PDB file of N, CA and C in Angstrom:
ATOM      1  N   MET A   1      40.712  61.001 179.026  1.00  0.00           N
ATOM      2  CA  MET A   1      42.023  61.659 179.131  1.00  0.00           C
ATOM      3  C   MET A   1      41.779  62.910 179.085  1.00  0.00           C
ATOM      4  N   ASP A   2      42.155  64.109 180.071  1.00  0.00           N
ATOM      5  CA  ASP A   2      41.852  65.193 179.826  1.00  0.00           C
ATOM      6  C   ASP A   2      43.300  66.135 179.846  1.00  0.00           C
ATOM      7  N   TYR A   3      43.556  66.000 178.579  1.00  0.00           N
ATOM      8  CA  TYR A   3      45.064  66.752 178.164  1.00  0.00           C
ATOM      9  C   TYR A   3      44.879  67.760 177.316  1.00  0.00           C
ATOM     10  N   PRO A   4      44.765  68.871 177.509  1.00  0.00           N
ATOM     11  CA  PRO A   4      44.250  70.080 176.402  1.00  0.00           C
ATOM     12  C   PRO A   4      45.335  70.114 175.386  1.00  0.00           C
ATOM     13  N   PHE A   5      45.255  70.807 174.320  1.00  0.00           N
ATOM     14  CA  PHE A   5      46.385  70.957 173.121  1.00  0.00           C
ATOM     15  C   PHE A   5      47.297  71.845 173.842  1.00  0.00           C
ATOM     16  N   LEU A   6      47.142  73.323 174.479  1.00  0.00           N
ATOM     17  CA  LEU A   6      48.059  73.737 175.195  1.00  0.00           C
ATOM     18  C   LEU A   6      49.011  73.309 176.196  1.00  0.00           C
ATOM     19  N   GLY A   7      48.236  72.308 176.738  1.00  0.00           N
ATOM     20  CA  GLY A   7      49.181  71.504 177.920  1.00  0.00           C
ATOM     21  C   GLY A   7      50.275  70.651 177.272  1.00  0.00           C
ATOM     22  N   ALA A   8      49.824  69.965 176.009  1.00  0.00           N
ATOM     23  CA  ALA A   8      50.974  69.214 175.304  1.00  0.00           C
ATOM     24  C   ALA A   8      51.676  70.087 174.636  1.00  0.00           C
ATOM     25  N   PHE A   9      51.425  71.231 174.316  1.00  0.00           N
ATOM     26  CA  PHE A   9      52.275  71.822 173.858  1.00  0.00           C
ATOM     27  C   PHE A   9      53.548  72.689 174.834  1.00  0.00           C
ATOM     28  N   LEU A  10      53.092  72.992 175.768  1.00  0.00           N
ATOM     29  CA  LEU A  10      53.688  73.298 176.984  1.00  0.00           C
ATOM     30  C   LEU A  10      54.835  72.342 177.176  1.00  0.00           C
ATOM     31  N   THR A  11      54.094  71.123 177.184  1.00  0.00           N
ATOM     32  CA  THR A  11      54.953  69.903 177.869  1.00  0.00           C
ATOM     33  C   THR A  11      56.121  69.742 176.669  1.00  0.00           C
ATOM     34  N   MET A  12      55.794  69.868 175.249  1.00  0.00           N
ATOM     35  CA  MET A  12      56.853  69.685 174.388  1.00  0.00           C
ATOM     36  C   MET A  12      57.927  70.856 174.257  1.00  0.00           C
ATOM     37  N   LEU A  13      57.312  71.743 174.569  1.00  0.00           N
ATOM     38  CA  LEU A  13      58.447  73.211 174.437  1.00  0.00           C
ATOM     39  C   LEU A  13      59.238  72.955 175.851  1.00  0.00           C
ATOM     40  N   TRP A  14      58.834  72.636 177.086  1.00  0.00           N
ATOM     41  CA  TRP A  14      59.701  72.183 178.239  1.00  0.00           C
ATOM     42  C   TRP A  14      60.756  71.191 177.747  1.00  0.00           C
ATOM     43  N   PHE A  15      60.328  70.158 177.214  1.00  0.00           N
ATOM     44  CA  PHE A  15      61.170  69.364 176.657  1.00  0.00           C
ATOM     45  C   PHE A  15      62.228  69.470 175.688  1.00  0.00           C
ATOM     46  N   PHE A  16      61.688  70.314 174.803  1.00  0.00           N
ATOM     47  CA  PHE A  16      63.052  70.664 173.729  1.00  0.00           C
ATOM     48  C   PHE A  16      63.650  71.980 174.500  1.00  0.00           C
ATOM     49  N   LEU A  17      63.171  72.460 175.192  1.00  0.00           N
ATOM     50  CA  LEU A  17      64.144  73.581 176.107  1.00  0.00           C
ATOM     51  C   LEU A  17      65.222  72.690 176.780  1.00  0.00           C
ATOM     52  N   PHE A  18      64.957  71.822 177.624  1.00  0.00           N
ATOM     53  CA  PHE A  18      65.482  70.910 178.521  1.00  0.00           C
ATOM     54  C   PHE A  18      66.641  70.235 177.512  1.00  0.00           C
ATOM     55  N   ALA A  19      66.229  69.717 176.386  1.00  0.00           N
ATOM     56  CA  ALA A  19      67.176  69.137 175.085  1.00  0.00           C
ATOM     57  C   ALA A  19      68.297  70.338 175.092  1.00  0.00           C
ATOM     58  N   ALA A  20      67.965  71.446 174.676  1.00  0.00           N
ATOM     59  CA  ALA A  20      68.547  72.408 174.215  1.00  0.00           C
ATOM     60  C   ALA A  20      69.731  72.973 175.167  1.00  0.00           C
ATOM     61  N   TRP A  21      69.406  72.731 176.338  1.00  0.00           N
ATOM     62  CA  TRP A  21      69.839  73.281 177.705  1.00  0.00           C
ATOM     63  C   TRP A  21      70.950  72.385 177.759  1.00  0.00           C
ATOM     64  N   MET A  22      70.580  70.963 177.807  1.00  0.00           N
ATOM     65  CA  MET A  22      71.665  69.785 177.892  1.00  0.00           C
ATOM     66  C   MET A  22      72.738  69.927 176.861  1.00  0.00           C
ATOM     67  N   TYR A  23      72.308  70.094 175.561  1.00  0.00           N
ATOM     68  CA  TYR A  23      73.288  70.319 174.613  1.00  0.00           C
ATOM     69  C   TYR A  23      74.313  71.551 174.759  1.00  0.00           C
ATOM     70  N   LEU A  24      73.803  72.515 175.361  1.00  0.00           N
ATOM     71  CA  LEU A  24      74.603  73.673 175.642  1.00  0.00           C
ATOM     72  C   LEU A  24      75.511  73.122 177.059  1.00  0.00           C
ATOM     73  N   LEU A  25      75.155  72.574 177.944  1.00  0.00           N
ATOM     74  CA  LEU A  25      75.789  72.472 178.831  1.00  0.00           C
ATOM     75  C   LEU A  25      76.939  71.286 178.202  1.00  0.00           C
ATOM     76  N   PHE A  26      76.877  70.381 177.695  1.00  0.00           N
ATOM     77  CA  PHE A  26      78.046  69.633 177.261  1.00  0.00           C
ATOM     78  C   PHE A  26      78.926  70.292 176.242  1.00  0.00           C
ATOM     79  N   VAL A  27      78.228  71.109 175.499  1.00  0.00           N
ATOM     80  CA  VAL A  27      79.251  71.869 174.324  1.00  0.00           C
ATOM     81  C   VAL A  27      80.130  72.716 175.229  1.00  0.00           C
ATOM     82  N   VAL A  28      79.966  73.302 176.342  1.00  0.00           N
ATOM     83  CA  VAL A  28      80.577  74.078 177.414  1.00  0.00           C
ATOM     84  C   VAL A  28      81.232  73.143 178.103  1.00  0.00           C
ATOM     85  N   VAL A  29      80.967  72.085 178.544  1.00  0.00           N
ATOM     86  CA  VAL A  29      82.002  71.600 179.429  1.00  0.00           C
ATOM     87  C   VAL A  29      83.246  70.642 178.332  1.00  0.00           C
ATOM     88  N   SER A  30      82.337  70.411 177.182  1.00  0.00           N
ATOM     89  CA  SER A  30      83.669  69.867 176.269  1.00  0.00           C
ATOM     90  C   SER A  30      84.559  71.118 175.957  1.00  0.00           C
ATOM     91  N   ASP A  31      84.261  72.312 175.943  1.00  0.00           N
ATOM     92  CA  ASP A  31      85.137  73.359 175.354  1.00  0.00           C
ATOM     93  C   ASP A  31      86.236  73.566 176.385  1.00  0.00           C
ATOM     94  N   VAL A  32      85.948  73.393 177.907  1.00  0.00           N
ATOM     95  CA  VAL A  32      86.299  73.621 178.819  1.00  0.00           C
ATOM     96  C   VAL A  32      87.664  72.778 178.902  1.00  0.00           C
ATOM     97  N   PHE A  33      87.380  71.292 178.671  1.00  0.00           N
ATOM     98  CA  PHE A  33      88.488  70.333 178.500  1.00  0.00           C
ATOM     99  C   PHE A  33      89.364  70.127 177.245  1.00  0.00           C
ATOM    100  N   GLN A  34      88.632  70.898 176.263  1.00  0.00           N
ATOM    101  CA  GLN A  34      89.497  71.085 174.918  1.00  0.00           C
ATOM    102  C   GLN A  34      90.603  72.185 174.975  1.00  0.00           C
ATOM    103  N   SER A  35      90.109  73.149 175.893  1.00  0.00           N
ATOM    104  CA  SER A  35      90.880  74.283 175.921  1.00  0.00           C
ATOM    105  C   SER A  35      92.322  74.036 176.366  1.00  0.00           C
ATOM    106  N   ARG A  36      93.449  74.593 175.788  1.00  0.00           N
ATOM    107  CA  ARG A  36      94.853  74.205 175.926  1.00  0.00           C
ATOM    108  C   ARG A  36      95.344  75.440 176.805  1.00  0.00           C
ATOM    109  N   ASP A  37      94.680  76.669 176.884  1.00  0.00           N
ATOM    110  CA  ASP A  37      95.131  77.525 177.785  1.00  0.00           C
ATOM    111  C   ASP A  37      94.856  77.766 179.300  1.00  0.00           C
ATOM    112  N   LEU A  38      93.901  76.891 179.460  1.00  0.00           N
ATOM    113  CA  LEU A  38      93.245  76.525 180.972  1.00  0.00           C
ATOM    114  C   LEU A  38      94.129  75.697 181.324  1.00  0.00           C
ATOM    115  N   SER A  39      94.504  76.083 182.757  1.00  0.00           N
ATOM    116  CA  SER A  39      95.108  75.114 183.860  1.00  0.00           C
ATOM    117  C   SER A  39      94.143  74.355 184.291  1.00  0.00           C
ATOM    118  N   GLY A  40      94.770  73.261 185.191  1.00  0.00           N
ATOM    119  CA  GLY A  40      93.805  72.163 185.487  1.00  0.00           C
ATOM    120  C   GLY A  40      92.887  72.609 186.687  1.00  0.00           C
ATOM    121  N   TRP A  41      93.181  73.670 187.312  1.00  0.00           N
ATOM    122  CA  TRP A  41      92.499  74.381 188.231  1.00  0.00           C
ATOM    123  C   TRP A  41      91.567  75.324 187.561  1.00  0.00           C
ATOM    124  N   SER A  42      92.000  75.966 186.599  1.00  0.00           N
ATOM    125  CA  SER A  42      91.032  76.768 185.892  1.00  0.00           C
ATOM    126  C   SER A  42      89.714  75.683 185.360  1.00  0.00           C
ATOM    127  N   LYS A  43      89.982  74.663 184.763  1.00  0.00           N
ATOM    128  CA  LYS A  43      89.082  73.815 184.199  1.00  0.00           C
ATOM    129  C   LYS A  43      88.282  73.282 185.343  1.00  0.00           C
ATOM    130  N   ALA A  44      88.944  73.031 186.624  1.00  0.00           N
ATOM    131  CA  ALA A  44      88.211  72.628 187.726  1.00  0.00           C
ATOM    132  C   ALA A  44      86.918  73.476 188.217  1.00  0.00           C
ATOM    133  N   GLY A  45      87.578  74.611 188.001  1.00  0.00           N
ATOM    134  CA  GLY A  45      86.907  75.733 188.642  1.00  0.00           C
ATOM    135  C   GLY A  45      85.724  76.073 187.832  1.00  0.00           C
ATOM    136  N   TRP A  46      85.747  76.270 186.300  1.00  0.00           N
ATOM    137  CA  TRP A  46      84.895  76.565 185.419  1.00  0.00           C
ATOM    138  C   TRP A  46      83.695  75.203 185.623  1.00  0.00           C
ATOM    139  N   VAL A  47      84.350  74.185 185.519  1.00  0.00           N
ATOM    140  CA  VAL A  47      83.342  72.672 185.547  1.00  0.00           C
ATOM    141  C   VAL A  47      82.245  72.505 186.972  1.00  0.00           C
ATOM    142  N   ALA A  48      83.292  73.475 188.118  1.00  0.00           N
ATOM    143  CA  ALA A  48      82.421  73.471 189.130  1.00  0.00           C
ATOM    144  C   ALA A  48      81.251  74.607 189.412  1.00  0.00           C
ATOM    145  N   GLY A  49      81.766  75.408 188.628  1.00  0.00           N
ATOM    146  CA  GLY A  49      80.792  76.693 188.543  1.00  0.00           C
ATOM    147  C   GLY A  49      79.725  76.186 187.410  1.00  0.00           C
ATOM    148  N   VAL A  50      79.624  75.539 186.545  1.00  0.00           N
ATOM    149  CA  VAL A  50      78.725  75.169 185.685  1.00  0.00           C
ATOM    150  C   VAL A  50      77.892  73.921 186.613  1.00  0.00           C
ATOM    151  N   ILE A  51      78.305  73.244 187.148  1.00  0.00           N
ATOM    152  CA  ILE A  51      77.580  72.043 188.033  1.00  0.00           C
ATOM    153  C   ILE A  51      76.771  72.766 189.211  1.00  0.00           C
ATOM    154  N   VAL A  52      77.317  73.968 189.992  1.00  0.00           N
ATOM    155  CA  VAL A  52      77.049  74.168 191.340  1.00  0.00           C
ATOM    156  C   VAL A  52      75.610  75.524 190.804  1.00  0.00           C
ATOM    157  N   LEU A  53      76.135  76.498 189.663  1.00  0.00           N
ATOM    158  CA  LEU A  53      75.038  77.373 189.700  1.00  0.00           C
ATOM    159  C   LEU A  53      75.211  77.088 187.961  1.00  0.00           C
ATOM    160  N   PRO A  54      74.305  76.385 187.183  1.00  0.00           N
ATOM    161  CA  PRO A  54      74.153  75.978 185.874  1.00  0.00           C
ATOM    162  C   PRO A  54      73.921  77.065 185.000  1.00  0.00           C
ATOM    163  N   LEU A  55      73.002  77.733 185.246  1.00  0.00           N
ATOM    164  CA  LEU A  55      72.595  79.108 184.416  1.00  0.00           C
ATOM    165  C   LEU A  55      73.600  80.140 184.168  1.00  0.00           C
ATOM    166  N   LEU A  56      74.009  80.491 185.564  1.00  0.00           N
ATOM    167  CA  LEU A  56      74.894  81.478 186.197  1.00  0.00           C
ATOM    168  C   LEU A  56      76.145  81.159 185.241  1.00  0.00           C
ATOM    169  N   GLY A  57      76.714  79.968 185.526  1.00  0.00           N
ATOM    170  CA  GLY A  57      78.004  79.578 185.034  1.00  0.00           C
ATOM    171  C   GLY A  57      78.251  79.081 183.440  1.00  0.00           C
ATOM    172  N   VAL A  58      76.922  78.819 182.922  1.00  0.00           N
ATOM    173  CA  VAL A  58      77.085  78.729 181.286  1.00  0.00           C
ATOM    174  C   VAL A  58      77.198  80.131 180.768  1.00  0.00           C
ATOM    175  N   LEU A  59      76.250  81.012 181.399  1.00  0.00           N
ATOM    176  CA  LEU A  59      76.155  82.616 180.631  1.00  0.00           C
ATOM    177  C   LEU A  59      77.514  83.206 181.119  1.00  0.00           C
ATOM    178  N   LEU A  60      78.304  82.860 182.158  1.00  0.00           N
ATOM    179  CA  LEU A  60      79.706  83.630 182.562  1.00  0.00           C
ATOM    180  C   LEU A  60      80.771  82.988 181.516  1.00  0.00           C
ATOM    181  N   TYR A  61      80.546  81.736 181.162  1.00  0.00           N
ATOM    182  CA  TYR A  61      81.684  81.115 180.417  1.00  0.00           C
ATOM    183  C   TYR A  61      81.550  81.619 179.076  1.00  0.00           C
ATOM    184  N   LEU A  62      80.196  81.785 178.452  1.00  0.00           N
ATOM    185  CA  LEU A  62      79.760  82.370 176.975  1.00  0.00           C
ATOM    186  C   LEU A  62      80.301  83.621 177.194  1.00  0.00           C
ATOM    187  N   ALA A  63      79.981  84.555 178.279  1.00  0.00           N
ATOM    188  CA  ALA A  63      80.423  85.703 178.222  1.00  0.00           C
ATOM    189  C   ALA A  63      81.997  86.284 178.304  1.00  0.00           C
ATOM    190  N   PHE A  64      82.515  85.105 178.777  1.00  0.00           N
ATOM    191  CA  PHE A  64      84.225  85.428 179.097  1.00  0.00           C
ATOM    192  C   PHE A  64      85.105  84.742 178.097  1.00  0.00           C
ATOM    193  N   ARG A  65      84.805  83.464 177.775  1.00  0.00           N
ATOM    194  CA  ARG A  65      85.307  82.516 176.754  1.00  0.00           C
ATOM    195  C   ARG A  65      84.762  82.311 175.608  1.00  0.00           C
ATOM    196  N   GLY A  66      83.604  82.581 175.104  1.00  0.00           N
ATOM    197  CA  GLY A  66      82.673  82.211 173.925  1.00  0.00           C
ATOM    198  C   GLY A  66      83.379  82.800 172.741  1.00  0.00           C
ATOM    199  N   GLU A  67      84.293  83.614 172.629  1.00  0.00           N
ATOM    200  CA  GLU A  67      84.566  84.014 171.374  1.00  0.00           C
ATOM    201  C   GLU A  67      85.600  82.947 170.698  1.00  0.00           C
ATOM    202  N   GLY A  68      86.520  82.177 171.707  1.00  0.00           N
ATOM    203  CA  GLY A  68      87.268  81.270 170.962  1.00  0.00           C
ATOM    204  C   GLY A  68      86.817  79.910 171.016  1.00  0.00           C
ATOM    205  N   MET A  69      85.516  79.862 171.187  1.00  0.00           N
ATOM    206  CA  MET A  69      84.972  78.376 171.219  1.00  0.00           C
ATOM    207  C   MET A  69      85.064  77.874 169.710  1.00  0.00           C
ATOM    208  N   ARG A  70      84.528  78.649 168.652  1.00  0.00           N
ATOM    209  CA  ARG A  70      85.037  77.981 167.309  1.00  0.00           C
ATOM    210  C   ARG A  70      86.335  77.484 166.974  1.00  0.00           C
ATOM    211  N   GLU A  71      87.241  78.536 167.309  1.00  0.00           N
ATOM    212  CA  GLU A  71      88.654  78.040 166.969  1.00  0.00           C
ATOM    213  C   GLU A  71      89.296  77.046 167.653  1.00  0.00           C
ATOM    214  N   ARG A  72      88.542  76.811 169.094  1.00  0.00           N
ATOM    215  CA  ARG A  72      89.133  75.570 169.891  1.00  0.00           C
ATOM    216  C   ARG A  72      88.440  74.458 169.264  1.00  0.00           C
ATOM    217  N   SER A  73      87.250  74.274 168.789  1.00  0.00           N
ATOM    218  CA  SER A  73      86.666  73.174 168.271  1.00  0.00           C
ATOM    219  C   SER A  73      87.269  73.120 166.868  1.00  0.00           C
ATOM    220  N   THR A  74      87.576  73.904 165.991  1.00  0.00           N
ATOM    221  CA  THR A  74      88.337  73.890 164.525  1.00  0.00           C
ATOM    222  C   THR A  74      89.393  73.286 164.787  1.00  0.00           C
ATOM    223  N   GLU A  75      90.300  73.418 165.777  1.00  0.00           N
ATOM    224  CA  GLU A  75      91.561  72.990 166.202  1.00  0.00           C
ATOM    225  C   GLU A  75      91.403  71.421 166.556  1.00  0.00           C
ATOM    226  N   ALA A  76      90.591  71.162 167.496  1.00  0.00           N
ATOM    227  CA  ALA A  76      90.607  69.875 168.003  1.00  0.00           C
ATOM    228  C   ALA A  76      90.301  68.912 166.451  1.00  0.00           C
ATOM    229  N   ALA A  77      89.143  69.350 165.949  1.00  0.00           N
ATOM    230  CA  ALA A  77      88.802  68.427 164.494  1.00  0.00           C
ATOM    231  C   ALA A  77      89.698  68.533 163.568  1.00  0.00           C
ATOM    232  N   ARG A  78      90.570  69.361 163.566  1.00  0.00           N
ATOM    233  CA  ARG A  78      91.943  69.393 162.728  1.00  0.00           C
ATOM    234  C   ARG A  78      92.872  68.338 163.223  1.00  0.00           C
ATOM    235  N   ARG A  79      93.154  68.112 164.480  1.00  0.00           N
ATOM    236  CA  ARG A  79      93.993  67.555 165.065  1.00  0.00           C
ATOM    237  C   ARG A  79      93.611  66.263 165.317  1.00  0.00           C
ATOM    238  N   ARG A  80      92.354  65.895 165.189  1.00  0.00           N
ATOM    239  CA  ARG A  80      91.637  64.489 165.081  1.00  0.00           C
ATOM    240  C   ARG A  80      91.786  63.795 163.495  1.00  0.00           C
ATOM    241  N   GLU A  81      91.723  64.872 162.749  1.00  0.00           N
ATOM    242  CA  GLU A  81      91.733  64.303 161.239  1.00  0.00           C
ATOM    243  C   GLU A  81      92.887  64.006 161.010  1.00  0.00           C
ATOM    244  N   ALA A  82      94.001  64.861 161.256  1.00  0.00           N
ATOM    245  CA  ALA A  82      95.148  64.668 161.229  1.00  0.00           C
ATOM    246  C   ALA A  82      95.714  63.124 161.717  1.00  0.00           C
ATOM    247  N   ALA A  83      95.306  63.114 162.939  1.00  0.00           N
ATOM    248  CA  ALA A  83      95.591  61.532 163.518  1.00  0.00           C
ATOM    249  C   ALA A  83      95.199  60.704 162.855  1.00  0.00           C
ATOM    250  N   TYR A  84      93.833  60.640 162.044  1.00  0.00           N
ATOM    251  CA  TYR A  84      93.066  59.737 161.428  1.00  0.00           C
ATOM    252  C   TYR A  84      93.875  59.503 160.170  1.00  0.00           C
ATOM    253  N   GLN A  85      94.322  60.634 159.481  1.00  0.00           N
ATOM    254  CA  GLN A  85      94.988  60.734 157.955  1.00  0.00           C
ATOM    255  C   GLN A  85      96.176  59.901 158.348  1.00  0.00           C
ATOM    256  N   GLY A  86      96.819  59.766 159.637  1.00  0.00           N
ATOM    257  CA  GLY A  86      98.264  59.149 159.741  1.00  0.00           C
ATOM    258  C   GLY A  86      97.939  57.427 159.900  1.00  0.00           C
ATOM    259  N   PHE A  87      97.008  57.158 160.228  1.00  0.00           N
ATOM    260  CA  PHE A  87      96.395  55.646 160.343  1.00  0.00           C
ATOM    261  C   PHE A  87      95.806  55.118 159.230  1.00  0.00           C
ATOM    262  N   ARG A  88      95.356  55.941 158.035  1.00  0.00           N
ATOM    263  CA  ARG A  88      94.389  55.499 157.000  1.00  0.00           C
ATOM    264  C   ARG A  88      95.134  55.558 155.558  1.00  0.00           C
ATOM    265  N   PRO A  89      95.611  54.491 154.963  1.00  0.00           N
ATOM    266  CA  PRO A  89      96.245  54.898 153.687  1.00  0.00           C
ATOM    267  C   PRO A  89      95.347  55.422 152.669  1.00  0.00           C
ATOM    268  N   SER A  90      95.771  56.012 151.959  1.00  0.00           N
ATOM    269  CA  SER A  90      94.667  56.560 150.717  1.00  0.00           C
ATOM    270  C   SER A  90      94.689  55.635 149.922  1.00  0.00           C
ATOM    271  N   ALA A  91      93.296  55.320 149.250  1.00  0.00           N
ATOM    272  CA  ALA A  91      93.193  54.609 148.136  1.00  0.00           C
ATOM    273  C   ALA A  91      94.202  54.728 147.044  1.00  0.00           C
ATOM    274  N   VAL A  92      94.314  56.061 146.621  1.00  0.00           N
ATOM    275  CA  VAL A  92      95.086  56.570 145.668  1.00  0.00           C
ATOM    276  C   VAL A  92      96.745  56.059 145.843  1.00  0.00           C
ATOM    277  N   GLN A  93      97.221  56.217 147.177  1.00  0.00           N
ATOM    278  CA  GLN A  93      98.481  56.079 147.147  1.00  0.00           C
ATOM    279  C   GLN A  93      98.516  54.320 147.253  1.00  0.00           C
ATOM    280  N   SER A  94      97.346  53.399 147.943  1.00  0.00           N
ATOM    281  CA  SER A  94      97.860  52.299 147.525  1.00  0.00           C
ATOM    282  C   SER A  94      97.704  51.483 146.183  1.00  0.00           C
ATOM    283  N   ARG A  95      97.040  52.488 145.536  1.00  0.00           N
ATOM    284  CA  ARG A  95      96.716  51.958 143.699  1.00  0.00           C
ATOM    285  C   ARG A  95      98.038  52.289 143.052  1.00  0.00           C
ATOM    286  N   ALA A  96      98.581  53.392 143.666  1.00  0.00           N
ATOM    287  CA  ALA A  96      99.768  54.078 142.702  1.00  0.00           C
ATOM    288  C   ALA A  96     101.000  52.621 143.372  1.00  0.00           C
ATOM    289  N   VAL A  97     101.226  52.579 144.494  1.00  0.00           N
ATOM    290  CA  VAL A  97     102.201  51.433 145.065  1.00  0.00           C
ATOM    291  C   VAL A  97     101.883  50.149 144.306  1.00  0.00           C
ATOM    292  N   ALA A  98     100.538  49.716 144.220  1.00  0.00           N
ATOM    293  CA  ALA A  98     100.182  48.353 143.250  1.00  0.00           C
ATOM    294  C   ALA A  98     100.924  48.701 141.948  1.00  0.00           C
ATOM    295  N   ASP A  99     100.391  49.448 140.991  1.00  0.00           N
ATOM    296  CA  ASP A  99     100.811  50.208 139.984  1.00  0.00           C
ATOM    297  C   ASP A  99     102.321  49.885 139.675  1.00  0.00           C
ATOM    298  N   GLU A 100     103.080  50.363 140.627  1.00  0.00           N
ATOM    299  CA  GLU A 100     104.747  50.457 140.845  1.00  0.00           C
ATOM    300  C   GLU A 100     105.546  49.110 140.893  1.00  0.00           C
ATOM    301  N   LEU A 101     104.647  48.439 141.348  1.00  0.00           N
ATOM    302  CA  LEU A 101     104.989  46.889 141.706  1.00  0.00           C
ATOM    303  C   LEU A 101     104.834  45.812 140.777  1.00  0.00           C
ATOM    304  N   THR A 102     103.604  46.187 140.157  1.00  0.00           N
ATOM    305  CA  THR A 102     103.423  45.532 138.721  1.00  0.00           C
ATOM    306  C   THR A 102     104.456  45.998 137.834  1.00  0.00           C
ATOM    307  N   LYS A 103     104.523  47.381 137.587  1.00  0.00           N
ATOM    308  CA  LYS A 103     105.629  47.574 136.475  1.00  0.00           C
ATOM    309  C   LYS A 103     106.805  47.237 136.967  1.00  0.00           C
ATOM    310  N   LEU A 104     107.413  46.974 138.270  1.00  0.00           N
ATOM    311  CA  LEU A 104     108.772  46.511 138.505  1.00  0.00           C
ATOM    312  C   LEU A 104     109.001  45.104 138.176  1.00  0.00           C
ATOM    313  N   ALA A 105     107.550  44.350 138.521  1.00  0.00           N
ATOM    314  CA  ALA A 105     107.927  42.670 138.355  1.00  0.00           C
ATOM    315  C   ALA A 105     107.652  42.581 136.623  1.00  0.00           C
ATOM    316  N   ASP A 106     106.950  43.451 135.969  1.00  0.00           N
ATOM    317  CA  ASP A 106     107.240  43.532 134.510  1.00  0.00           C
ATOM    318  C   ASP A 106     108.655  43.522 134.153  1.00  0.00           C
ATOM    319  N   LEU A 107     109.179  44.406 134.368  1.00  0.00           N
ATOM    320  CA  LEU A 107     110.770  44.982 133.883  1.00  0.00           C
ATOM    321  C   LEU A 107     111.504  43.558 134.687  1.00  0.00           C
ATOM    322  N   ARG A 108     111.288  42.876 135.425  1.00  0.00           N
ATOM    323  CA  ARG A 108     112.139  41.815 135.967  1.00  0.00           C
ATOM    324  C   ARG A 108     111.582  40.420 134.819  1.00  0.00           C
ATOM    325  N   LYS A 109     110.649  40.301 134.629  1.00  0.00           N
ATOM    326  CA  LYS A 109     110.015  39.121 133.748  1.00  0.00           C
ATOM    327  C   LYS A 109     110.735  39.457 132.255  1.00  0.00           C
ATOM    328  N   GLN A 110     110.922  40.782 132.062  1.00  0.00           N
ATOM    329  CA  GLN A 110     111.537  41.036 130.549  1.00  0.00           C
ATOM    330  C   GLN A 110     112.897  41.094 130.812  1.00  0.00           C
ATOM    331  N   GLY A 111     113.423  40.855 131.968  1.00  0.00           N
ATOM    332  CA  GLY A 111     115.160  40.833 132.073  1.00  0.00           C
ATOM    333  C   GLY A 111     115.932  42.007 132.135  1.00  0.00           C
ATOM    334  N   GLU A 112     115.055  43.069 132.212  1.00  0.00           N
ATOM    335  CA  GLU A 112     115.721  44.548 132.335  1.00  0.00           C
ATOM    336  C   GLU A 112     116.376  44.719 133.651  1.00  0.00           C
ATOM    337  N   ILE A 113     116.092  44.151 134.533  1.00  0.00           N
ATOM    338  CA  ILE A 113     116.751  44.352 136.119  1.00  0.00           C
ATOM    339  C   ILE A 113     116.753  42.979 136.548  1.00  0.00           C
ATOM    340  N   THR A 114     117.828  42.778 137.727  1.00  0.00           N
ATOM    341  CA  THR A 114     117.991  41.614 138.374  1.00  0.00           C
ATOM    342  C   THR A 114     117.383  41.583 139.361  1.00  0.00           C
ATOM    343  N   ASP A 115     117.182  40.253 139.946  1.00  0.00           N
ATOM    344  CA  ASP A 115     116.373  39.948 141.121  1.00  0.00           C
ATOM    345  C   ASP A 115     117.121  40.970 142.068  1.00  0.00           C
ATOM    346  N   ALA A 116     118.297  41.177 142.193  1.00  0.00           N
ATOM    347  CA  ALA A 116     118.664  42.251 143.448  1.00  0.00           C
ATOM    348  C   ALA A 116     118.276  43.425 143.300  1.00  0.00           C
ATOM    349  N   GLU A 117     118.192  43.999 141.859  1.00  0.00           N
ATOM    350  CA  GLU A 117     117.674  45.259 141.855  1.00  0.00           C
ATOM    351  C   GLU A 117     116.220  45.124 142.286  1.00  0.00           C
ATOM    352  N   TYR A 118     115.530  44.176 141.888  1.00  0.00           N
ATOM    353  CA  TYR A 118     114.108  44.145 142.174  1.00  0.00           C
ATOM    354  C   TYR A 118     113.660  44.282 143.329  1.00  0.00           C
ATOM    355  N   GLN A 119     114.211  43.571 144.331  1.00  0.00           N
ATOM    356  CA  GLN A 119     114.225  43.405 145.586  1.00  0.00           C
ATOM    357  C   GLN A 119     114.359  44.526 146.366  1.00  0.00           C
ATOM    358  N   GLN A 120     115.422  45.382 145.663  1.00  0.00           N
ATOM    359  CA  GLN A 120     116.233  46.586 146.328  1.00  0.00           C
ATOM    360  C   GLN A 120     114.786  47.781 146.461  1.00  0.00           C
ATOM    361  N   GLU A 121     114.289  47.770 144.907  1.00  0.00           N
ATOM    362  CA  GLU A 121     113.328  48.880 144.684  1.00  0.00           C
ATOM    363  C   GLU A 121     111.837  48.425 145.234  1.00  0.00           C
ATOM    364  N   LYS A 122     111.732  47.186 144.909  1.00  0.00           N
ATOM    365  CA  LYS A 122     110.392  46.779 145.768  1.00  0.00           C
ATOM    366  C   LYS A 122     110.324  47.354 147.295  1.00  0.00           C
ATOM    367  N   SER A 123     111.553  47.003 148.185  1.00  0.00           N
ATOM    368  CA  SER A 123     111.709  47.458 149.485  1.00  0.00           C
ATOM    369  C   SER A 123     111.515  48.933 149.644  1.00  0.00           C
ATOM    370  N   ARG A 124     112.172  49.699 148.441  1.00  0.00           N
ATOM    371  CA  ARG A 124     112.051  51.148 148.336  1.00  0.00           C
ATOM    372  C   ARG A 124     110.744  51.522 148.192  1.00  0.00           C
ATOM    373  N   ILE A 125     109.885  50.885 147.507  1.00  0.00           N
ATOM    374  CA  ILE A 125     108.551  51.209 147.181  1.00  0.00           C
ATOM    375  C   ILE A 125     107.600  51.122 148.416  1.00  0.00           C
ATOM    376  N   LEU A 126     107.983  50.148 149.238  1.00  0.00           N
ATOM    377  CA  LEU A 126     106.968  49.715 150.170  1.00  0.00           C
ATOM    378  C   LEU A 126     107.052  50.092 151.175  1.00  0.00           C
ATOM    379  N   THR A 127     108.366  51.065 151.482  1.00  0.00           N
ATOM    380  CA  THR A 127     108.670  51.970 152.821  1.00  0.00           C
ATOM    381  C   THR A 127     108.242  53.378 152.654  1.00  0.00           C
TER     382      THR A 127
END
């Protein structure tokens, strides 16, 4: 097998350059779609430019819209986290609710509150 070290090095270099290029391409296209300030036609134009003339399209995008890429990415991550937090109850909150219900049940067992008061407070705690 005749494959010199320099040939293997160049093959690996081209492979990693291709991987970096694909990463950059995906970052640019995802930023285009995350941009709320672009209209649909503007998004279509940028995507078409990146697909038809990849190197020039990506370089132009980075030159014209690159300064806001971090802000748009941070805003999208913040929106995802807020949506996720809305569906995930905190472990601290669930422990506090369980503690309150336990205390409420103890008060009812001791006769300090009636069953009606217990049900009313229980519904308040659980909502």
